[in-house]
């Protein structure tokens, strides 16, 4: 399988997040469960973290490969920031530190869980778990 195909889920999921964030508040179904929007943010970014780790563990760059966990986190956090800023310009939406915080938790947990899944199904493959020397 081409390395580029492993990037496709992260790219498509980024587009989905952007699309959903572009919907005005009036077009979203009203859900009257306290904190439910935070649960949705968490799940959305949990999956996003998994797609990012999948993409970054299938790269030619040895530096990115050795640091796939950190690069995935930084990418996910940066995207969460830009997503919240983007919502400032959408009717009825706003920029929320609470949403951003939950997004970050989702990304980090998604990356962590996916790395454990990879390790479980590929215990002999230490490629993902190498530590860079930072020399």
N, C-alpha and C. Protein backbone atom coordinates (compact mmCIF):
# COMPACT_ATOMS: atom_id res chain seq x y z
N UNK A 1 0.84 -1.18 0.00
CA UNK A 1 0.00 0.00 0.00
C UNK A 1 0.90 1.25 0.00
N UNK A 2 0.56 2.19 -0.80
CA UNK A 2 1.33 3.43 -0.88
C UNK A 2 1.26 4.20 0.44
N UNK A 3 2.39 4.81 0.80
CA UNK A 3 2.44 5.61 2.04
C UNK A 3 1.43 6.75 1.99
N UNK A 4 1.16 7.24 0.80
CA UNK A 4 0.24 8.36 0.67
C UNK A 4 -1.19 7.98 1.06
N UNK A 5 -1.56 6.73 0.87
CA UNK A 5 -2.91 6.30 1.24
C UNK A 5 -3.13 6.37 2.75
N UNK A 6 -2.06 6.22 3.52
CA UNK A 6 -2.18 6.31 4.97
C UNK A 6 -2.45 7.74 5.43
N UNK A 7 -2.16 8.70 4.58
CA UNK A 7 -2.43 10.11 4.90
C UNK A 7 -3.87 10.48 4.59
N UNK A 8 -4.51 9.74 3.72
CA UNK A 8 -5.86 10.07 3.26
C UNK A 8 -6.88 10.18 4.40
N UNK A 9 -6.91 9.26 5.37
CA UNK A 9 -7.90 9.43 6.46
C UNK A 9 -7.73 10.74 7.22
N UNK A 10 -6.48 11.14 7.49
CA UNK A 10 -6.25 12.40 8.22
C UNK A 10 -6.69 13.60 7.38
N UNK A 11 -6.40 13.56 6.10
CA UNK A 11 -6.79 14.67 5.21
C UNK A 11 -8.31 14.77 5.12
N UNK A 12 -8.96 13.64 4.88
CA UNK A 12 -10.42 13.64 4.77
C UNK A 12 -11.09 14.03 6.09
N UNK A 13 -10.53 13.56 7.19
CA UNK A 13 -11.10 13.89 8.50
C UNK A 13 -10.90 15.37 8.82
N UNK A 14 -9.77 15.95 8.41
CA UNK A 14 -9.55 17.39 8.57
C UNK A 14 -10.62 18.16 7.81
N UNK A 15 -10.92 17.69 6.61
CA UNK A 15 -11.95 18.35 5.80
C UNK A 15 -13.33 18.22 6.46
N UNK A 16 -13.61 17.06 7.04
CA UNK A 16 -14.89 16.86 7.72
C UNK A 16 -15.02 17.80 8.92
N UNK A 17 -13.97 17.92 9.71
CA UNK A 17 -13.99 18.83 10.86
C UNK A 17 -14.24 20.26 10.39
N UNK A 18 -13.54 20.67 9.33
CA UNK A 18 -13.73 22.02 8.80
C UNK A 18 -15.17 22.23 8.34
N UNK A 19 -15.71 21.24 7.63
CA UNK A 19 -17.09 21.33 7.16
C UNK A 19 -18.07 21.47 8.33
N UNK A 20 -17.92 20.62 9.33
CA UNK A 20 -18.83 20.66 10.48
C UNK A 20 -18.70 21.98 11.24
N UNK A 21 -17.48 22.50 11.32
CA UNK A 21 -17.26 23.78 12.02
C UNK A 21 -17.79 24.96 11.22
N UNK A 22 -18.02 24.75 9.94
CA UNK A 22 -18.53 25.82 9.07
C UNK A 22 -20.05 25.94 9.11
N UNK A 23 -20.70 24.95 9.71
CA UNK A 23 -22.17 25.00 9.78
C UNK A 23 -22.61 26.03 10.81
N UNK A 24 -23.49 26.94 10.41
CA UNK A 24 -24.02 27.90 11.39
C UNK A 24 -24.77 27.17 12.51
N UNK A 25 -24.79 27.77 13.67
CA UNK A 25 -25.46 27.16 14.83
C UNK A 25 -26.91 26.80 14.51
N UNK A 26 -27.57 27.63 13.69
CA UNK A 26 -28.97 27.40 13.38
C UNK A 26 -29.19 26.13 12.56
N UNK A 27 -28.16 25.63 11.90
CA UNK A 27 -28.29 24.41 11.10
C UNK A 27 -27.99 23.15 11.89
N UNK A 28 -27.54 23.30 13.11
CA UNK A 28 -27.24 22.14 13.94
C UNK A 28 -28.46 21.72 14.73
N UNK A 29 -28.67 20.43 14.89
CA UNK A 29 -29.83 19.98 15.67
C UNK A 29 -29.65 20.35 17.14
N UNK A 30 -30.69 20.88 17.76
CA UNK A 30 -30.58 21.24 19.17
C UNK A 30 -30.54 19.98 20.05
N UNK A 31 -29.55 19.92 20.91
CA UNK A 31 -29.42 18.80 21.84
C UNK A 31 -29.37 19.43 23.23
N UNK A 32 -30.32 19.07 24.05
CA UNK A 32 -30.47 19.70 25.36
C UNK A 32 -29.92 18.84 26.49
N UNK A 33 -28.74 18.29 26.26
CA UNK A 33 -28.06 17.50 27.29
C UNK A 33 -26.82 18.29 27.68
N UNK A 34 -26.73 18.63 28.94
CA UNK A 34 -25.61 19.45 29.41
C UNK A 34 -24.28 18.75 29.14
N UNK A 35 -23.38 19.45 28.49
CA UNK A 35 -22.04 18.93 28.22
C UNK A 35 -21.94 18.02 27.02
N UNK A 36 -23.03 17.79 26.32
CA UNK A 36 -23.01 16.86 25.19
C UNK A 36 -22.09 17.36 24.07
N UNK A 37 -22.04 18.69 23.88
CA UNK A 37 -21.16 19.23 22.84
C UNK A 37 -19.69 18.93 23.15
N UNK A 38 -19.34 18.89 24.42
CA UNK A 38 -17.96 18.56 24.81
C UNK A 38 -17.66 17.09 24.50
N UNK A 39 -18.63 16.23 24.71
CA UNK A 39 -18.46 14.82 24.38
C UNK A 39 -18.23 14.67 22.87
N UNK A 40 -19.00 15.40 22.07
CA UNK A 40 -18.82 15.34 20.62
C UNK A 40 -17.44 15.85 20.21
N UNK A 41 -17.00 16.95 20.80
CA UNK A 41 -15.67 17.47 20.51
C UNK A 41 -14.60 16.43 20.86
N UNK A 42 -14.74 15.82 22.02
CA UNK A 42 -13.77 14.83 22.48
C UNK A 42 -13.68 13.66 21.50
N UNK A 43 -14.82 13.10 21.12
CA UNK A 43 -14.84 11.96 20.20
C UNK A 43 -14.30 12.36 18.84
N UNK A 44 -14.69 13.54 18.36
CA UNK A 44 -14.24 14.03 17.06
C UNK A 44 -12.71 14.10 17.01
N UNK A 45 -12.10 14.65 18.05
CA UNK A 45 -10.65 14.80 18.06
C UNK A 45 -9.92 13.54 18.50
N UNK A 46 -10.58 12.64 19.20
CA UNK A 46 -10.00 11.35 19.52
C UNK A 46 -9.74 10.58 18.22
N UNK A 47 -10.73 10.55 17.35
CA UNK A 47 -10.58 9.90 16.04
C UNK A 47 -9.53 10.63 15.21
N UNK A 48 -9.53 11.96 15.26
CA UNK A 48 -8.57 12.75 14.50
C UNK A 48 -7.14 12.41 14.93
N UNK A 49 -6.92 12.29 16.22
CA UNK A 49 -5.59 11.91 16.72
C UNK A 49 -5.15 10.56 16.16
N UNK A 50 -6.07 9.62 16.08
CA UNK A 50 -5.74 8.31 15.52
C UNK A 50 -5.36 8.41 14.05
N UNK A 51 -6.09 9.21 13.28
CA UNK A 51 -5.78 9.35 11.85
C UNK A 51 -4.44 10.05 11.66
N UNK A 52 -4.12 10.98 12.54
CA UNK A 52 -2.83 11.67 12.44
C UNK A 52 -1.67 10.71 12.71
N UNK A 53 -1.80 9.90 13.74
CA UNK A 53 -0.74 8.95 14.06
C UNK A 53 -0.58 7.94 12.92
N UNK A 54 -1.67 7.51 12.34
CA UNK A 54 -1.61 6.60 11.20
C UNK A 54 -0.80 7.24 10.06
N UNK A 55 -1.08 8.49 9.79
CA UNK A 55 -0.37 9.20 8.71
C UNK A 55 1.11 9.34 9.01
N UNK A 56 1.44 9.77 10.21
CA UNK A 56 2.83 10.06 10.54
C UNK A 56 3.68 8.82 10.81
N UNK A 57 3.06 7.67 11.00
CA UNK A 57 3.84 6.44 11.17
C UNK A 57 4.09 5.77 9.82
N UNK A 58 3.61 6.38 8.76
CA UNK A 58 3.84 5.86 7.40
C UNK A 58 4.45 6.95 6.53
N UNK A 59 5.57 7.46 6.96
CA UNK A 59 6.26 8.52 6.25
C UNK A 59 7.68 8.08 5.91
N UNK A 60 8.25 8.73 4.92
CA UNK A 60 9.64 8.44 4.55
C UNK A 60 10.63 9.13 5.48
N UNK A 61 10.20 10.20 6.11
CA UNK A 61 11.10 10.98 6.95
C UNK A 61 11.43 10.24 8.25
N UNK A 62 12.69 9.89 8.46
CA UNK A 62 13.05 9.19 9.70
C UNK A 62 12.81 10.06 10.94
N UNK A 63 13.00 11.38 10.81
CA UNK A 63 12.79 12.26 11.95
C UNK A 63 11.31 12.26 12.36
N UNK A 64 10.43 12.42 11.39
CA UNK A 64 8.99 12.42 11.71
C UNK A 64 8.57 11.05 12.23
N UNK A 65 9.11 10.01 11.65
CA UNK A 65 8.78 8.65 12.09
C UNK A 65 9.18 8.43 13.55
N UNK A 66 10.39 8.86 13.91
CA UNK A 66 10.85 8.71 15.30
C UNK A 66 10.03 9.54 16.26
N UNK A 67 9.46 10.62 15.78
CA UNK A 67 8.72 11.55 16.63
C UNK A 67 7.24 11.61 16.25
N UNK A 68 6.71 10.53 15.71
CA UNK A 68 5.34 10.50 15.22
C UNK A 68 4.32 10.88 16.30
N UNK A 69 4.56 10.43 17.52
CA UNK A 69 3.65 10.73 18.62
C UNK A 69 3.57 12.24 18.85
N UNK A 70 4.73 12.88 18.95
CA UNK A 70 4.79 14.32 19.23
C UNK A 70 4.29 15.13 18.04
N UNK A 71 4.69 14.74 16.83
CA UNK A 71 4.26 15.46 15.63
C UNK A 71 2.75 15.36 15.48
N UNK A 72 2.19 14.20 15.78
CA UNK A 72 0.73 14.03 15.71
C UNK A 72 0.04 14.94 16.73
N UNK A 73 0.59 14.99 17.94
CA UNK A 73 0.00 15.87 18.97
C UNK A 73 0.06 17.33 18.54
N UNK A 74 1.22 17.76 18.07
CA UNK A 74 1.36 19.16 17.66
C UNK A 74 0.43 19.51 16.51
N UNK A 75 0.31 18.61 15.55
CA UNK A 75 -0.59 18.84 14.42
C UNK A 75 -2.04 18.93 14.90
N UNK A 76 -2.44 18.00 15.75
CA UNK A 76 -3.81 18.00 16.26
C UNK A 76 -4.13 19.23 17.08
N UNK A 77 -3.19 19.65 17.92
CA UNK A 77 -3.39 20.84 18.75
C UNK A 77 -3.47 22.09 17.88
N UNK A 78 -2.57 22.19 16.91
CA UNK A 78 -2.59 23.34 16.00
C UNK A 78 -3.90 23.39 15.22
N UNK A 79 -4.37 22.24 14.77
CA UNK A 79 -5.63 22.20 14.03
C UNK A 79 -6.80 22.60 14.94
N UNK A 80 -6.77 22.17 16.19
CA UNK A 80 -7.83 22.54 17.13
C UNK A 80 -7.85 24.06 17.34
N UNK A 81 -6.67 24.68 17.44
CA UNK A 81 -6.60 26.14 17.58
C UNK A 81 -7.21 26.82 16.37
N UNK A 82 -6.79 26.38 15.18
CA UNK A 82 -7.31 27.02 13.96
C UNK A 82 -8.81 26.76 13.79
N UNK A 83 -9.27 25.61 14.24
CA UNK A 83 -10.70 25.30 14.18
C UNK A 83 -11.51 26.25 15.06
N UNK A 84 -11.02 26.50 16.26
CA UNK A 84 -11.72 27.42 17.15
C UNK A 84 -11.70 28.85 16.60
N UNK A 85 -10.58 29.27 16.05
CA UNK A 85 -10.50 30.61 15.45
C UNK A 85 -11.45 30.70 14.26
N UNK A 86 -11.48 29.66 13.45
CA UNK A 86 -12.38 29.61 12.29
C UNK A 86 -13.83 29.81 12.72
N UNK A 87 -14.21 29.25 13.86
CA UNK A 87 -15.59 29.35 14.31
C UNK A 87 -15.98 30.78 14.72
N UNK A 88 -14.99 31.64 14.94
CA UNK A 88 -15.29 33.06 15.21
C UNK A 88 -16.01 33.70 14.03
N UNK A 89 -15.79 33.16 12.84
CA UNK A 89 -16.32 33.74 11.62
C UNK A 89 -17.56 33.01 11.10
N UNK A 90 -18.08 32.09 11.88
CA UNK A 90 -19.28 31.34 11.50
C UNK A 90 -20.45 31.84 12.32
N UNK A 91 -21.55 32.12 11.65
CA UNK A 91 -22.75 32.67 12.31
C UNK A 91 -23.22 31.74 13.43
N UNK A 92 -23.35 32.32 14.62
CA UNK A 92 -23.87 31.58 15.76
C UNK A 92 -22.84 30.71 16.47
N UNK A 93 -21.61 30.69 15.97
CA UNK A 93 -20.55 29.89 16.60
C UNK A 93 -19.58 30.82 17.30
N UNK A 94 -18.75 30.27 18.17
CA UNK A 94 -17.77 31.09 18.86
C UNK A 94 -16.50 30.30 19.13
N UNK A 95 -15.50 31.01 19.56
CA UNK A 95 -14.22 30.43 19.93
C UNK A 95 -14.29 30.11 21.42
N UNK A 96 -14.05 28.86 21.76
CA UNK A 96 -14.23 28.44 23.15
C UNK A 96 -12.99 27.73 23.66
N UNK A 97 -12.44 28.23 24.77
CA UNK A 97 -11.29 27.57 25.38
C UNK A 97 -11.70 26.19 25.90
N UNK A 98 -12.93 26.07 26.36
CA UNK A 98 -13.43 24.77 26.85
C UNK A 98 -13.44 23.74 25.73
N UNK A 99 -13.94 24.13 24.55
CA UNK A 99 -13.94 23.22 23.41
C UNK A 99 -12.51 22.85 23.01
N UNK A 100 -11.65 23.86 22.97
CA UNK A 100 -10.25 23.62 22.62
C UNK A 100 -9.61 22.63 23.60
N UNK A 101 -9.86 22.80 24.88
CA UNK A 101 -9.28 21.91 25.89
C UNK A 101 -9.74 20.47 25.69
N UNK A 102 -11.01 20.30 25.41
CA UNK A 102 -11.55 18.96 25.18
C UNK A 102 -10.98 18.37 23.88
N UNK A 103 -10.81 19.23 22.86
CA UNK A 103 -10.19 18.79 21.61
C UNK A 103 -8.79 18.24 21.87
N UNK A 104 -8.01 18.97 22.65
CA UNK A 104 -6.64 18.56 22.96
C UNK A 104 -6.64 17.23 23.72
N UNK A 105 -7.52 17.10 24.69
CA UNK A 105 -7.61 15.82 25.43
C UNK A 105 -7.96 14.67 24.48
N UNK A 106 -8.89 14.93 23.56
CA UNK A 106 -9.27 13.90 22.59
C UNK A 106 -8.11 13.50 21.70
N UNK A 107 -7.37 14.48 21.18
CA UNK A 107 -6.23 14.19 20.32
C UNK A 107 -5.19 13.36 21.07
N UNK A 108 -4.84 13.79 22.26
CA UNK A 108 -3.80 13.10 23.03
C UNK A 108 -4.24 11.67 23.36
N UNK A 109 -5.47 11.50 23.81
CA UNK A 109 -5.93 10.15 24.13
C UNK A 109 -6.04 9.29 22.88
N UNK A 110 -6.50 9.87 21.77
CA UNK A 110 -6.59 9.12 20.51
C UNK A 110 -5.23 8.62 20.06
N UNK A 111 -4.23 9.49 20.14
CA UNK A 111 -2.87 9.10 19.75
C UNK A 111 -2.35 8.02 20.69
N UNK A 112 -2.56 8.20 21.98
CA UNK A 112 -2.09 7.22 22.96
C UNK A 112 -2.76 5.86 22.73
N UNK A 113 -4.09 5.85 22.58
CA UNK A 113 -4.80 4.59 22.38
C UNK A 113 -4.38 3.91 21.08
N UNK A 114 -4.26 4.69 20.02
CA UNK A 114 -3.89 4.12 18.73
C UNK A 114 -2.47 3.56 18.78
N UNK A 115 -1.57 4.21 19.49
CA UNK A 115 -0.21 3.68 19.62
C UNK A 115 -0.22 2.36 20.37
N UNK A 116 -1.10 2.23 21.36
CA UNK A 116 -1.22 0.96 22.10
C UNK A 116 -1.81 -0.13 21.21
N UNK A 117 -2.76 0.24 20.35
CA UNK A 117 -3.34 -0.72 19.41
C UNK A 117 -2.27 -1.21 18.44
N UNK A 118 -1.49 -0.27 17.90
CA UNK A 118 -0.41 -0.63 16.98
C UNK A 118 0.58 -1.57 17.68
N UNK A 119 0.96 -1.22 18.89
CA UNK A 119 1.92 -2.02 19.66
C UNK A 119 1.35 -3.42 19.94
N UNK A 120 0.06 -3.50 20.23
CA UNK A 120 -0.56 -4.78 20.53
C UNK A 120 -0.55 -5.71 19.31
N UNK A 121 -0.90 -5.17 18.15
CA UNK A 121 -0.98 -5.98 16.94
C UNK A 121 0.36 -6.16 16.23
N UNK A 122 1.36 -5.34 16.60
CA UNK A 122 2.69 -5.43 15.99
C UNK A 122 3.76 -5.33 17.07
N UNK A 123 3.81 -6.27 18.00
CA UNK A 123 4.76 -6.15 19.11
C UNK A 123 6.22 -6.16 18.67
N UNK A 124 6.50 -6.77 17.53
CA UNK A 124 7.89 -6.83 17.06
C UNK A 124 8.31 -5.55 16.33
N UNK A 125 7.38 -4.70 15.98
CA UNK A 125 7.68 -3.48 15.22
C UNK A 125 7.94 -2.33 16.18
N UNK A 126 9.20 -2.04 16.41
CA UNK A 126 9.59 -0.97 17.33
C UNK A 126 9.70 0.38 16.63
N UNK A 127 9.39 0.44 15.34
CA UNK A 127 9.56 1.65 14.56
C UNK A 127 8.85 2.85 15.19
N UNK A 128 7.64 2.67 15.63
CA UNK A 128 6.86 3.76 16.19
C UNK A 128 7.39 4.21 17.55
N UNK A 129 8.06 3.33 18.24
CA UNK A 129 8.40 3.60 19.61
C UNK A 129 9.87 3.96 19.82
N UNK A 130 10.57 4.29 18.74
CA UNK A 130 11.94 4.74 18.86
C UNK A 130 11.95 6.12 19.48
N UNK A 131 13.00 6.41 20.19
CA UNK A 131 13.15 7.75 20.77
C UNK A 131 14.27 8.45 20.04
N UNK A 132 14.02 9.68 19.65
CA UNK A 132 15.08 10.42 18.98
C UNK A 132 16.12 10.85 19.99
N UNK A 133 17.33 11.01 19.50
CA UNK A 133 18.43 11.32 20.41
C UNK A 133 18.51 12.82 20.73
N UNK A 134 17.91 13.66 19.94
CA UNK A 134 17.91 15.13 20.14
C UNK A 134 19.32 15.67 20.32
N UNK A 135 20.27 15.17 19.53
CA UNK A 135 21.65 15.65 19.61
C UNK A 135 21.85 16.86 18.74
